[in-house]
Amino acid sequence: MLALCAGAIWSVVALLTDGSANWMVLPAAAVVVWSLGFMPPLAGPARAVVAFLLLLACIVYAQLLNAASVLAGQLGLPFKEALLTMGPELAWAVARARTPVWALFLLLATAIVLAAYAYRGAARS
C-alpha cells in the first residue's frame, strides 16, 4: 500500500508541476526501501523481486493517475469518469507521450538499482 501511496503523491506532484514529474521515482524508491522493513524477512532474490515489483506498481499507478488527470483536464470530464472509462491502451499512449526517452531509462535504472540494493540488503542481514 505504501508504494501505491507514493504513486498517488507522485501524480499530485505531476499535476502541480504541469509535467510528468518522473524524478519522483527517486523518493518513491526510498519509500519502497522503507516499506521492505515492514515485511517478513525474505531471501535475497525474493527481496529483490518484491522491491522491483513494488516500484513497478508505483510507477504504473502514478502514470495511470497522470493520464487520467490529463484526459480529465483536456476533455472536461470529471476525474473519476476519466479514470474509470480510460482503457489501458489509452493510459499507456498518454503516459508514453508525456514521458521522454531519458525518463524511461531513469525509471528502469532506478528499479534495477533498487532491486540490487534490496538484494544486497538481504545478504547483509
C-alpha atoms as a PDB file:
ATOM      1  CA  MET A   1       0.000   0.000   0.000  1.00  0.00           C
ATOM      2  CA  LEU A   2       2.888   2.372   0.674  1.00  0.00           C
ATOM      3  CA  ALA A   3       4.084   2.002  -2.918  1.00  0.00           C
ATOM      4  CA  LEU A   4       0.636   2.936  -4.203  1.00  0.00           C
ATOM      5  CA  CYS A   5       0.511   5.898  -1.825  1.00  0.00           C
ATOM      6  CA  ALA A   6       3.844   7.048  -3.228  1.00  0.00           C
ATOM      7  CA  GLY A   7       2.375   6.709  -6.721  1.00  0.00           C
ATOM      8  CA  ALA A   8      -0.619   8.822  -5.734  1.00  0.00           C
ATOM      9  CA  ILE A   9       1.637  11.525  -4.288  1.00  0.00           C
ATOM     10  CA  TRP A  10       3.729  11.350  -7.461  1.00  0.00           C
ATOM     11  CA  SER A  11       0.632  12.054  -9.556  1.00  0.00           C
ATOM     12  CA  VAL A  12      -0.302  15.041  -7.377  1.00  0.00           C
ATOM     13  CA  VAL A  13       3.219  16.468  -7.764  1.00  0.00           C
ATOM     14  CA  ALA A  14       2.975  15.907 -11.517  1.00  0.00           C
ATOM     15  CA  LEU A  15      -0.331  17.754 -11.587  1.00  0.00           C
ATOM     16  CA  LEU A  16       1.092  20.658  -9.585  1.00  0.00           C
ATOM     17  CA  THR A  17       4.241  20.926 -11.719  1.00  0.00           C
ATOM     18  CA  ASP A  18       2.335  20.539 -15.001  1.00  0.00           C
ATOM     19  CA  GLY A  19       4.536  17.685 -16.158  1.00  0.00           C
ATOM     20  CA  SER A  20       5.053  14.009 -15.536  1.00  0.00           C
ATOM     21  CA  ALA A  21       7.487  14.565 -12.609  1.00  0.00           C
ATOM     22  CA  ASN A  22       9.492  11.464 -13.467  1.00  0.00           C
ATOM     23  CA  TRP A  23      12.120  12.482 -10.923  1.00  0.00           C
ATOM     24  CA  MET A  24       9.591  11.390  -8.279  1.00  0.00           C
ATOM     25  CA  VAL A  25      10.755   7.824  -8.914  1.00  0.00           C
ATOM     26  CA  LEU A  26      13.659   8.516  -6.537  1.00  0.00           C
ATOM     27  CA  PRO A  27      11.534   9.361  -3.467  1.00  0.00           C
ATOM     28  CA  ALA A  28       9.196   6.518  -4.449  1.00  0.00           C
ATOM     29  CA  ALA A  29      12.140   4.119  -4.422  1.00  0.00           C
ATOM     30  CA  ALA A  30      13.055   5.382  -0.948  1.00  0.00           C
ATOM     31  CA  VAL A  31       9.503   4.638   0.196  1.00  0.00           C
ATOM     32  CA  VAL A  32       9.752   1.130  -1.242  1.00  0.00           C
ATOM     33  CA  VAL A  33      13.042   0.514   0.571  1.00  0.00           C
ATOM     34  CA  TRP A  34      11.497   1.778   3.792  1.00  0.00           C
ATOM     35  CA  SER A  35       8.410  -0.386   3.314  1.00  0.00           C
ATOM     36  CA  LEU A  36      10.537  -3.504   2.891  1.00  0.00           C
ATOM     37  CA  GLY A  37      11.420  -3.170   6.567  1.00  0.00           C
ATOM     38  CA  PHE A  38       7.799  -3.878   7.477  1.00  0.00           C
ATOM     39  CA  MET A  39       7.681  -7.133   5.549  1.00  0.00           C
ATOM     40  CA  PRO A  40       8.729 -10.522   6.848  1.00  0.00           C
ATOM     41  CA  PRO A  41      12.413 -11.208   6.112  1.00  0.00           C
ATOM     42  CA  LEU A  42      12.924 -12.521   2.598  1.00  0.00           C
ATOM     43  CA  ALA A  43      15.887 -14.183   0.931  1.00  0.00           C
ATOM     44  CA  GLY A  44      17.993 -12.012  -1.384  1.00  0.00           C
ATOM     45  CA  PRO A  45      16.432 -12.900  -4.747  1.00  0.00           C
ATOM     46  CA  ALA A  46      12.881 -12.775  -3.388  1.00  0.00           C
ATOM     47  CA  ARG A  47      13.523  -9.438  -1.722  1.00  0.00           C
ATOM     48  CA  ALA A  48      14.943  -8.029  -4.967  1.00  0.00           C
ATOM     49  CA  VAL A  49      11.925  -9.205  -6.948  1.00  0.00           C
ATOM     50  CA  VAL A  50       9.484  -7.787  -4.391  1.00  0.00           C
ATOM     51  CA  ALA A  51      11.292  -4.427  -4.397  1.00  0.00           C
ATOM     52  CA  PHE A  52      11.270  -4.324  -8.202  1.00  0.00           C
ATOM     53  CA  LEU A  53       7.571  -5.221  -8.392  1.00  0.00           C
ATOM     54  CA  LEU A  54       6.596  -2.692  -5.720  1.00  0.00           C
ATOM     55  CA  LEU A  55       8.375   0.112  -7.551  1.00  0.00           C
ATOM     56  CA  LEU A  56       6.885  -1.041 -10.845  1.00  0.00           C
ATOM     57  CA  ALA A  57       3.386  -0.922  -9.284  1.00  0.00           C
ATOM     58  CA  CYS A  58       4.128   2.583  -8.017  1.00  0.00           C
ATOM     59  CA  ILE A  59       5.272   3.740 -11.459  1.00  0.00           C
ATOM     60  CA  VAL A  60       2.303   2.219 -13.261  1.00  0.00           C
ATOM     61  CA  TYR A  61      -0.183   3.641 -10.752  1.00  0.00           C
ATOM     62  CA  ALA A  62       1.356   7.113 -10.932  1.00  0.00           C
ATOM     63  CA  GLN A  63       1.325   7.067 -14.739  1.00  0.00           C
ATOM     64  CA  LEU A  64      -2.284   5.858 -14.771  1.00  0.00           C
ATOM     65  CA  LEU A  65      -3.382   8.681 -12.489  1.00  0.00           C
ATOM     66  CA  ASN A  66      -1.349  11.182 -14.531  1.00  0.00           C
ATOM     67  CA  ALA A  67      -3.002  10.042 -17.747  1.00  0.00           C
ATOM     68  CA  ALA A  68      -6.460  10.250 -16.176  1.00  0.00           C
ATOM     69  CA  SER A  69      -5.811  13.770 -14.910  1.00  0.00           C
ATOM     70  CA  VAL A  70      -4.578  14.886 -18.330  1.00  0.00           C
ATOM     71  CA  LEU A  71      -7.625  13.424 -20.051  1.00  0.00           C
ATOM     72  CA  ALA A  72      -9.991  14.865 -17.477  1.00  0.00           C
ATOM     73  CA  GLY A  73      -8.479  18.302 -17.919  1.00  0.00           C
ATOM     74  CA  GLN A  74      -8.363  18.184 -21.714  1.00  0.00           C
ATOM     75  CA  LEU A  75     -11.822  16.734 -22.246  1.00  0.00           C
ATOM     76  CA  GLY A  76     -13.586  18.481 -19.388  1.00  0.00           C
ATOM     77  CA  LEU A  77     -14.580  15.209 -17.741  1.00  0.00           C
ATOM     78  CA  PRO A  78     -14.721  14.540 -14.036  1.00  0.00           C
ATOM     79  CA  PHE A  79     -11.538  12.791 -12.881  1.00  0.00           C
ATOM     80  CA  LYS A  80     -13.382   9.689 -11.686  1.00  0.00           C
ATOM     81  CA  GLU A  81     -15.146   9.274 -15.020  1.00  0.00           C
ATOM     82  CA  ALA A  82     -11.895   9.680 -16.962  1.00  0.00           C
ATOM     83  CA  LEU A  83     -10.176   7.149 -14.700  1.00  0.00           C
ATOM     84  CA  LEU A  84     -12.944   4.560 -14.955  1.00  0.00           C
ATOM     85  CA  THR A  85     -13.574   4.825 -18.698  1.00  0.00           C
ATOM     86  CA  MET A  86      -9.978   5.114 -19.873  1.00  0.00           C
ATOM     87  CA  GLY A  87      -8.605   1.804 -21.086  1.00  0.00           C
ATOM     88  CA  PRO A  88      -5.051   0.562 -20.600  1.00  0.00           C
ATOM     89  CA  GLU A  89      -4.157   1.333 -24.218  1.00  0.00           C
ATOM     90  CA  LEU A  90      -5.124   4.991 -23.870  1.00  0.00           C
ATOM     91  CA  ALA A  91      -3.405   5.283 -20.493  1.00  0.00           C
ATOM     92  CA  TRP A  92      -0.224   3.805 -21.982  1.00  0.00           C
ATOM     93  CA  ALA A  93      -0.408   6.140 -25.000  1.00  0.00           C
ATOM     94  CA  VAL A  94      -0.823   9.254 -22.854  1.00  0.00           C
ATOM     95  CA  ALA A  95       1.897   8.168 -20.413  1.00  0.00           C
ATOM     96  CA  ARG A  96       4.286   7.356 -23.246  1.00  0.00           C
ATOM     97  CA  ALA A  97       3.589  10.664 -24.998  1.00  0.00           C
ATOM     98  CA  ARG A  98       4.363  12.590 -21.789  1.00  0.00           C
ATOM     99  CA  THR A  99       7.492  10.593 -20.869  1.00  0.00           C
ATOM    100  CA  PRO A 100      10.714  11.349 -22.750  1.00  0.00           C
ATOM    101  CA  VAL A 101      13.195   8.582 -23.512  1.00  0.00           C
ATOM    102  CA  TRP A 102      15.642   9.737 -20.816  1.00  0.00           C
ATOM    103  CA  ALA A 103      12.872   9.396 -18.234  1.00  0.00           C
ATOM    104  CA  LEU A 104      12.149   5.813 -19.313  1.00  0.00           C
ATOM    105  CA  PHE A 105      15.809   4.997 -18.728  1.00  0.00           C
ATOM    106  CA  LEU A 106      15.665   6.762 -15.352  1.00  0.00           C
ATOM    107  CA  LEU A 107      12.618   4.732 -14.315  1.00  0.00           C
ATOM    108  CA  LEU A 108      14.139   1.443 -15.421  1.00  0.00           C
ATOM    109  CA  ALA A 109      17.573   2.172 -13.954  1.00  0.00           C
ATOM    110  CA  THR A 110      16.055   3.178 -10.626  1.00  0.00           C
ATOM    111  CA  ALA A 111      14.040  -0.045 -10.469  1.00  0.00           C
ATOM    112  CA  ILE A 112      17.139  -2.128 -11.257  1.00  0.00           C
ATOM    113  CA  VAL A 113      19.308  -0.292  -8.720  1.00  0.00           C
ATOM    114  CA  LEU A 114      16.554  -0.658  -6.121  1.00  0.00           C
ATOM    115  CA  ALA A 115      16.360  -4.405  -6.742  1.00  0.00           C
ATOM    116  CA  ALA A 116      20.149  -4.693  -6.420  1.00  0.00           C
ATOM    117  CA  TYR A 117      20.091  -2.666  -3.207  1.00  0.00           C
ATOM    118  CA  ALA A 118      17.313  -4.819  -1.780  1.00  0.00           C
ATOM    119  CA  TYR A 119      19.217  -7.974  -2.730  1.00  0.00           C
ATOM    120  CA  ARG A 120      22.373  -6.670  -1.096  1.00  0.00           C
ATOM    121  CA  GLY A 121      20.437  -5.552   1.984  1.00  0.00           C
ATOM    122  CA  ALA A 122      19.059  -9.068   2.380  1.00  0.00           C
ATOM    123  CA  ALA A 123      22.548 -10.544   2.084  1.00  0.00           C
ATOM    124  CA  ARG A 124      23.860  -8.318   4.899  1.00  0.00           C
ATOM    125  CA  SER A 125      21.101  -9.241   7.346  1.00  0.00           C
END
